[in-house]
Amino acid sequence: ITTLSEALHATGKKFEYILFDACFMGNVETAYDLRNNTKYIVASLCEIMGWGFPYQKTLPYLLQNGGKAYDLNLAAKSFNEHYKAVRDSGSDLYSGSVAVINCAELEALAQKMLKVNQNLSDEVNEKRLQTYDGGANHLFYDLGDYVNEVCTDETCKKEFTQQLEFTIPHKYTLSAFWSGYFKVGSYPIDTEAFSGITTSAPSKLCRESYPQTAWYKATH
């Protein structure tokens, strides 16, 4: 991701948006690395099925007014609705969680997260947290759900939640997702806990590399 950010920076252009047709790109660590490369990011929190985005439905929203305008909310919604139809057809091979990230709000979110990290609970029950990958050892946890669980200061928690709503202006999810990683299968999503973006902060995986991320450095 840092190499991608450097390459995009080398173009001398700031993109209007980056839409990721790739798994697990809707995480705050990735978004923060790319915050100066683009205005918005459209990404899924979990795995994207092999069909990817339904481009016949999505592209019209990305190429409005002869390619001069776009509606990322409707582009994201088209993704969610496509996999809702897959679910309704009787298949369990669907993951319809997607969100629009406003990169201009990520610095403010990092500042709020810094305060959260100064008011952490001594004990965190990871099993209570919403995750978006299969198996026992998770890498992607819901950021909003994580903060709600670990922050001991109610004012701090409220301020973070408010800022998160500015950062994620549009989000969509189904009540389950399919995972081919770790343990293959379909997993439930608590739609009330769904915030539209993940973090790897509580994960036991990648513990040597995680502190090297720009997000970690900005929030600790």
Protein backbone atom coordinates (compact mmCIF):
# COMPACT_ATOMS: atom_id res chain seq x y z
CA ILE A 1 0.00 0.00 0.00
CA THR A 2 2.83 2.42 0.77
CA THR A 3 4.37 1.61 -2.63
CA LEU A 4 1.01 2.28 -4.30
CA SER A 5 0.76 5.60 -2.48
CA GLU A 6 4.25 6.60 -3.61
CA ALA A 7 3.46 5.65 -7.20
CA LEU A 8 0.23 7.65 -7.21
CA HIS A 9 2.03 10.62 -5.66
CA ALA A 10 4.64 10.45 -8.43
CA THR A 11 1.94 11.17 -11.02
CA GLY A 12 1.53 14.65 -9.58
CA LYS A 13 -2.23 14.13 -9.54
CA LYS A 14 -4.71 13.78 -6.74
CA PHE A 15 -7.47 11.39 -7.76
CA GLU A 16 -11.15 12.11 -7.34
CA TYR A 17 -11.65 8.59 -6.02
CA ILE A 18 -10.13 5.11 -5.89
CA LEU A 19 -12.56 2.19 -6.14
CA PHE A 20 -11.01 -1.07 -4.94
CA ASP A 21 -12.30 -4.23 -6.60
CA ALA A 22 -10.17 -6.23 -4.17
CA CYS A 23 -10.67 -7.95 -0.83
CA PHE A 24 -10.33 -6.29 2.58
CA MET A 25 -9.37 -2.81 1.31
CA GLY A 26 -11.96 -1.04 3.45
CA ASN A 27 -9.65 -0.72 6.46
CA VAL A 28 -8.48 2.44 8.16
CA GLU A 29 -4.79 1.55 7.90
CA THR A 30 -5.00 1.41 4.09
CA ALA A 31 -7.18 4.49 3.82
CA TYR A 32 -4.85 6.54 6.00
CA ASP A 33 -1.86 5.62 3.83
CA LEU A 34 -3.75 6.83 0.74
CA ARG A 35 -5.37 9.89 2.30
CA ASN A 36 -3.30 12.38 0.27
CA ASN A 37 -3.64 10.48 -3.02
CA THR A 38 -7.41 10.69 -3.44
CA LYS A 39 -10.50 12.49 -2.22
CA TYR A 40 -12.56 9.35 -1.69
CA ILE A 41 -12.13 5.59 -1.44
CA VAL A 42 -14.82 3.02 -2.21
CA ALA A 43 -13.94 -0.35 -0.70
CA SER A 44 -15.26 -3.54 0.84
CA LEU A 45 -14.51 -4.56 4.42
CA CYS A 46 -14.43 -8.25 3.59
CA GLU A 47 -13.82 -10.49 0.59
CA ILE A 48 -15.14 -9.47 -2.80
CA MET A 49 -16.53 -12.37 -4.78
CA GLY A 50 -14.99 -13.36 -8.10
CA TRP A 51 -17.70 -11.47 -9.97
CA GLY A 52 -16.38 -8.24 -8.49
CA PHE A 53 -18.39 -5.06 -8.87
CA PRO A 54 -21.43 -5.29 -11.16
CA TYR A 55 -19.88 -2.90 -13.67
CA GLN A 56 -22.90 -2.71 -15.97
CA LYS A 57 -24.75 -1.20 -13.03
CA THR A 58 -21.84 0.62 -11.34
CA LEU A 59 -20.16 2.38 -14.27
CA PRO A 60 -23.11 4.66 -15.12
CA TYR A 61 -22.74 6.19 -11.64
CA LEU A 62 -19.00 6.71 -12.18
CA LEU A 63 -19.40 8.26 -15.64
CA GLN A 64 -22.24 10.72 -15.20
CA ASN A 65 -22.57 13.82 -17.37
CA GLY A 66 -20.33 12.43 -20.08
CA GLY A 67 -17.72 11.33 -17.57
CA LYS A 68 -17.53 14.70 -15.82
CA ALA A 69 -19.41 13.69 -12.66
CA TYR A 70 -19.88 10.71 -10.38
CA ASP A 71 -22.05 9.47 -7.54
CA LEU A 72 -20.05 7.22 -5.23
CA ASN A 73 -23.00 6.63 -2.95
CA LEU A 74 -25.00 5.02 -5.76
CA ALA A 75 -21.90 3.18 -7.02
CA ALA A 76 -21.47 1.59 -3.59
CA LYS A 77 -25.19 0.91 -3.33
CA SER A 78 -25.13 -0.92 -6.70
CA PHE A 79 -22.52 -3.30 -5.27
CA ASN A 80 -24.59 -4.00 -2.19
CA GLU A 81 -27.81 -4.49 -4.14
CA HIS A 82 -26.12 -6.85 -6.60
CA TYR A 83 -25.04 -9.21 -3.81
CA LYS A 84 -28.38 -8.82 -2.10
CA ALA A 85 -29.89 -10.28 -5.27
CA VAL A 86 -27.31 -13.09 -5.17
CA ARG A 87 -28.36 -13.83 -1.59
CA ASP A 88 -32.04 -13.73 -2.47
CA SER A 89 -31.40 -16.23 -5.28
CA GLY A 90 -30.49 -18.79 -2.62
CA SER A 91 -26.70 -18.67 -2.88
CA ASP A 92 -24.46 -18.14 0.16
CA LEU A 93 -21.56 -16.90 -2.00
CA TYR A 94 -21.99 -13.21 -1.28
CA SER A 95 -20.34 -10.36 0.59
CA GLY A 96 -22.18 -7.07 0.20
CA SER A 97 -20.40 -4.87 2.74
CA VAL A 98 -19.05 -1.67 1.18
CA ALA A 99 -18.49 1.96 2.14
CA VAL A 100 -17.37 5.35 0.86
CA ILE A 101 -14.47 6.88 2.80
CA ASN A 102 -13.94 10.65 2.81
CA CYS A 103 -10.16 11.00 2.96
CA ALA A 104 -10.35 14.65 4.00
CA GLU A 105 -11.72 13.50 7.36
CA LEU A 106 -9.06 10.88 8.13
CA GLU A 107 -6.66 13.24 9.92
CA ALA A 108 -9.44 14.31 12.27
CA LEU A 109 -10.34 10.65 12.81
CA ALA A 110 -6.72 9.89 13.72
CA GLN A 111 -6.80 12.69 16.31
CA LYS A 112 -9.93 11.23 17.88
CA MET A 113 -8.36 7.76 17.82
CA LEU A 114 -5.31 9.12 19.64
CA LYS A 115 -7.62 10.15 22.49
CA VAL A 116 -9.30 6.75 22.42
CA ASN A 117 -5.93 5.06 22.79
CA GLN A 118 -5.31 7.17 25.88
CA ASN A 119 -8.49 5.78 27.45
CA LEU A 120 -8.30 2.05 26.75
CA SER A 121 -9.85 -0.70 28.80
CA ASP A 122 -7.37 -3.08 30.41
CA GLU A 123 -9.28 -6.06 29.07
CA VAL A 124 -10.74 -6.49 25.59
CA ASN A 125 -12.96 -9.44 24.72
CA GLU A 126 -12.15 -9.94 21.05
CA LYS A 127 -14.88 -12.55 20.72
CA ARG A 128 -17.48 -9.81 21.19
CA LEU A 129 -16.12 -7.75 18.30
CA GLN A 130 -17.51 -7.82 14.78
CA THR A 131 -14.98 -9.34 12.37
CA TYR A 132 -14.94 -9.70 8.58
CA ASP A 133 -12.79 -12.76 7.90
CA GLY A 134 -13.22 -16.44 8.66
CA GLY A 135 -11.48 -18.48 11.33
CA ALA A 136 -10.44 -18.09 14.93
CA ASN A 137 -7.53 -15.66 14.48
CA HIS A 138 -8.90 -12.54 12.82
CA LEU A 139 -7.12 -9.68 11.08
CA PHE A 140 -10.02 -7.35 10.27
CA TYR A 141 -12.24 -5.96 13.05
CA ASP A 142 -14.97 -3.33 12.79
CA LEU A 143 -13.37 -0.03 13.80
CA GLY A 144 -16.48 1.52 15.31
CA ASP A 145 -17.33 -1.63 17.22
CA TYR A 146 -13.74 -1.86 18.49
CA VAL A 147 -13.75 1.71 19.83
CA ASN A 148 -17.13 1.17 21.44
CA GLU A 149 -15.72 -1.86 23.23
CA VAL A 150 -12.31 -0.55 24.35
CA CYS A 151 -12.83 3.15 25.10
CA THR A 152 -13.51 3.85 28.78
CA ASP A 153 -14.32 7.56 28.38
CA GLU A 154 -17.89 8.16 27.16
CA THR A 155 -17.19 11.70 25.90
CA CYS A 156 -14.16 10.49 23.98
CA LYS A 157 -16.18 7.62 22.53
CA LYS A 158 -18.98 9.94 21.44
CA GLU A 159 -16.56 12.33 19.75
CA PHE A 160 -14.93 9.47 17.86
CA THR A 161 -18.29 8.11 16.72
CA GLN A 162 -19.35 11.52 15.44
CA GLN A 163 -16.11 11.92 13.51
CA LEU A 164 -16.44 8.41 12.11
CA GLU A 165 -19.81 9.39 10.63
CA PHE A 166 -18.13 12.29 8.82
CA THR A 167 -15.37 9.98 7.59
CA ILE A 168 -17.78 7.31 6.32
CA PRO A 169 -20.62 9.27 4.64
CA HIS A 170 -22.13 6.19 2.97
CA LYS A 171 -22.10 2.53 4.00
CA TYR A 172 -24.02 -0.61 3.08
CA THR A 173 -24.00 -4.15 4.37
CA LEU A 174 -25.91 -7.41 4.32
CA SER A 175 -26.45 -9.50 7.43
CA ALA A 176 -23.69 -11.98 6.52
CA PHE A 177 -20.51 -12.35 4.46
CA TRP A 178 -18.74 -15.28 2.84
CA SER A 179 -15.09 -16.02 3.57
CA GLY A 180 -12.65 -18.30 1.80
CA TYR A 181 -9.80 -17.43 4.14
CA PHE A 182 -8.97 -19.55 7.18
CA LYS A 183 -12.26 -21.40 7.70
CA VAL A 184 -14.45 -21.34 4.59
CA GLY A 185 -18.08 -20.44 5.14
CA SER A 186 -20.69 -17.77 5.73
CA TYR A 187 -20.44 -15.54 8.82
CA PRO A 188 -22.97 -13.18 10.45
CA ILE A 189 -22.73 -9.40 10.57
CA ASP A 190 -24.27 -7.35 13.34
CA THR A 191 -25.73 -4.59 11.18
CA GLU A 192 -26.03 -2.31 14.21
CA ALA A 193 -22.29 -2.64 14.89
CA PHE A 194 -21.33 -2.17 11.23
CA SER A 195 -19.40 1.11 10.87
CA GLY A 196 -18.16 0.78 7.28
CA ILE A 197 -14.44 0.45 8.01
CA THR A 198 -12.12 -2.00 9.76
CA THR A 199 -8.96 -1.95 11.85
CA SER A 200 -6.35 -4.55 12.71
CA ALA A 201 -5.57 -2.96 16.07
CA PRO A 202 -6.78 -5.86 18.27
CA SER A 203 -5.48 -8.61 16.00
CA LYS A 204 -2.80 -11.02 17.21
CA LEU A 205 -1.51 -11.28 13.63
CA CYS A 206 1.17 -9.06 12.04
CA ARG A 207 2.20 -7.61 15.39
CA GLU A 208 5.71 -6.69 14.23
CA SER A 209 4.60 -4.84 11.12
CA TYR A 210 1.45 -3.20 12.50
CA PRO A 211 3.28 -0.57 14.61
CA GLN A 212 5.07 0.51 11.42
CA THR A 213 1.86 1.70 9.77
CA ALA A 214 1.25 5.42 9.44
CA TRP A 215 -2.12 5.01 11.17
CA TYR A 216 -0.53 3.44 14.24
CA LYS A 217 2.13 6.16 14.43
CA ALA A 218 -0.51 8.88 14.14
CA THR A 219 -2.72 7.39 16.85
CA HIS A 220 -0.15 6.40 19.50
